[in-house]
Each structure stands twice: as C-alpha cells, then as structure tokens.
Amino acid sequence: MNLVSEDSNAAHFQTRSGNDLSGNLRQMIAVLEQERQALATLDADELFEASHRKEALCETLRPFGEDALDPQSRELAKTAQALNDVNRRVRNLLAANVSARLEAFGSAQHTYSSANPTLNLHT
C-alpha cells in the first residue's frame, strides 16, 4: 500500500509499514530527488519538508540491519546514499557561496566605514 499522495500545494508523506524495506527505500529515493529539485530552485519550504520526510524515513529504516538487505534492497540503499551525498555537496556549495557573499559584503562595508581612518579615496 503506497501512502504517498499529492494535493494542489505539496506532497504529503507517510512511511509504509515497518516491514516493507524496499518500499521505504524507494520512498527515500523519491524524497531525495524532491530535495534535489528544491535545492535547484532554492525552495526553502520544500527543503524543510524534505528534511522532515527524510527524518521520518530514517526512523522507519533504523531497525533494519545490514543482514535485512537482499540484493535489491542493497542497490536501493546504495542509490539513496549516492543521492544523499550529491545533495549534501550541493547544500555545502550553496552554503559556501552564501558565506563568501556575506564575507565580501562585510569586507566592502568595512572598507567604506567611517571607522577606517586610513581609507584612501584617491585611486
């Protein structure tokens, strides 16, 4: 039974039954793809929702050990891990870009502040 549905505004999410490992891994992959789209469009609300869905799925997947992974589930887990790694790198790049811009803004502000007595306006 698939419990993912959509309304006009956003996708609602619920985990599958606890014993459906493959189904929950497929849902994790779908959530990670939604997260990647939200990162691409800088949609903060969707990033927030994806984060909550990922947390819920992680809780559902927590009881499963590596011995529970059949070959199909192992491939799904590897796919989810790869997608999560890509999304993490994108988040880190976005954060570094924002930090660099804020630092540049802060540096430019200090350059022209009245607290800088050695400011040379003749260039």
Protein backbone atom coordinates (compact mmCIF):
# COMPACT_ATOMS: atom_id res chain seq x y z
CA MET A 1 0.00 0.00 0.00
CA ASN A 2 1.59 3.26 -1.13
CA LEU A 3 0.78 6.14 1.17
CA VAL A 4 2.34 8.99 -0.81
CA SER A 5 -0.28 11.30 -2.32
CA GLU A 6 -0.31 14.81 -3.73
CA ASP A 7 -2.68 17.72 -3.31
CA SER A 8 -2.56 21.02 -5.17
CA ASN A 9 0.11 22.53 -2.89
CA ALA A 10 2.53 19.82 -1.71
CA ALA A 11 3.20 16.12 -1.48
CA HIS A 12 2.02 14.51 1.75
CA PHE A 13 4.19 11.78 3.11
CA GLN A 14 3.76 8.76 5.33
CA THR A 15 6.04 5.78 5.70
CA ARG A 16 4.99 2.35 4.58
CA SER A 17 4.59 -0.47 7.05
CA GLY A 18 7.75 -1.11 9.04
CA ASN A 19 8.49 -4.41 7.32
CA ASP A 20 8.48 -3.01 3.77
CA LEU A 21 12.19 -2.23 3.47
CA SER A 22 12.29 -1.91 -0.32
CA GLY A 23 9.22 0.34 -0.34
CA ASN A 24 10.67 2.64 2.30
CA LEU A 25 13.98 2.81 0.43
CA ARG A 26 12.09 3.73 -2.74
CA GLN A 27 10.31 6.47 -0.83
CA MET A 28 13.67 7.71 0.49
CA ILE A 29 14.95 7.91 -3.08
CA ALA A 30 11.84 9.87 -4.10
CA VAL A 31 12.32 12.26 -1.17
CA LEU A 32 15.99 12.74 -2.04
CA GLU A 33 15.03 13.56 -5.63
CA GLN A 34 12.47 16.07 -4.34
CA GLU A 35 15.16 17.56 -2.12
CA ARG A 36 17.49 17.92 -5.12
CA GLN A 37 14.74 19.75 -7.02
CA ALA A 38 14.15 22.02 -4.04
CA LEU A 39 17.88 22.76 -3.86
CA ALA A 40 17.92 23.58 -7.57
CA THR A 41 15.03 26.02 -7.19
CA LEU A 42 16.11 27.26 -3.74
CA ASP A 43 12.66 26.38 -2.36
CA ALA A 44 13.15 26.71 1.40
CA ASP A 45 9.70 25.38 2.29
CA GLU A 46 10.19 22.23 0.23
CA LEU A 47 13.70 21.75 1.69
CA PHE A 48 12.18 21.94 5.17
CA GLU A 49 9.50 19.39 4.24
CA ALA A 50 12.03 17.06 2.61
CA SER A 51 14.15 17.20 5.74
CA HIS A 52 11.21 16.09 7.87
CA ARG A 53 10.31 13.30 5.45
CA LYS A 54 13.92 12.08 5.45
CA GLU A 55 13.95 12.05 9.26
CA ALA A 56 10.72 10.03 9.37
CA LEU A 57 12.07 7.52 6.88
CA CYS A 58 15.36 7.22 8.76
CA GLU A 59 13.39 6.36 11.89
CA THR A 60 11.43 3.74 9.95
CA LEU A 61 14.61 2.28 8.45
CA ARG A 62 16.58 2.33 11.73
CA PRO A 63 15.53 -1.16 12.93
CA PHE A 64 16.78 -2.84 9.76
CA GLY A 65 20.31 -4.15 9.95
CA GLU A 66 22.62 -4.94 7.08
CA ASP A 67 21.52 -8.58 7.27
CA ALA A 68 18.00 -7.47 6.24
CA LEU A 69 19.27 -6.23 2.87
CA ASP A 70 18.64 -8.52 -0.06
CA PRO A 71 20.41 -7.65 -3.34
CA GLN A 72 17.56 -5.39 -4.49
CA SER A 73 17.39 -3.54 -1.16
CA ARG A 74 21.18 -3.20 -1.11
CA GLU A 75 21.07 -1.49 -4.55
CA LEU A 76 18.26 0.81 -3.39
CA ALA A 77 20.27 1.71 -0.28
CA LYS A 78 23.35 2.47 -2.41
CA THR A 79 21.26 4.65 -4.71
CA ALA A 80 19.80 6.54 -1.73
CA GLN A 81 23.29 7.01 -0.27
CA ALA A 82 24.62 8.35 -3.58
CA LEU A 83 21.70 10.78 -3.93
CA ASN A 84 22.14 11.95 -0.35
CA ASP A 85 25.87 12.54 -0.98
CA VAL A 86 25.10 14.62 -4.08
CA ASN A 87 22.51 16.66 -2.19
CA ARG A 88 24.94 17.20 0.69
CA ARG A 89 27.58 18.51 -1.73
CA VAL A 90 25.06 20.87 -3.33
CA ARG A 91 23.98 22.14 0.11
CA ASN A 92 27.62 22.70 1.06
CA LEU A 93 28.32 24.58 -2.18
CA LEU A 94 25.28 26.78 -1.64
CA ALA A 95 26.31 27.47 1.95
CA ALA A 96 29.88 28.30 0.88
CA ASN A 97 28.55 30.65 -1.80
CA VAL A 98 26.34 32.46 0.71
CA SER A 99 29.23 32.69 3.19
CA ALA A 100 31.54 34.12 0.55
CA ARG A 101 28.96 36.70 -0.47
CA LEU A 102 28.32 37.71 3.14
CA GLU A 103 32.05 37.99 3.81
CA ALA A 104 32.50 40.08 0.68
CA PHE A 105 29.62 42.28 1.73
CA GLY A 106 31.07 42.60 5.21
CA SER A 107 34.52 43.44 3.82
CA ALA A 108 33.11 46.04 1.45
CA GLN A 109 31.15 47.60 4.27
CA HIS A 110 34.23 47.90 6.47
CA THR A 111 36.27 49.39 3.64
CA TYR A 112 33.93 52.35 3.38
CA SER A 113 33.04 52.73 7.04
CA SER A 114 33.95 55.87 8.94
CA ALA A 115 35.79 53.70 11.46
CA ASN A 116 38.56 53.13 8.88
CA PRO A 117 40.77 56.26 9.18
CA THR A 118 43.26 55.06 6.55
CA LEU A 119 40.70 54.84 3.79
CA ASN A 120 42.22 56.28 0.64
CA LEU A 121 39.55 57.73 -1.63
CA HIS A 122 42.07 58.76 -4.29
CA THR A 123 42.57 55.84 -6.63
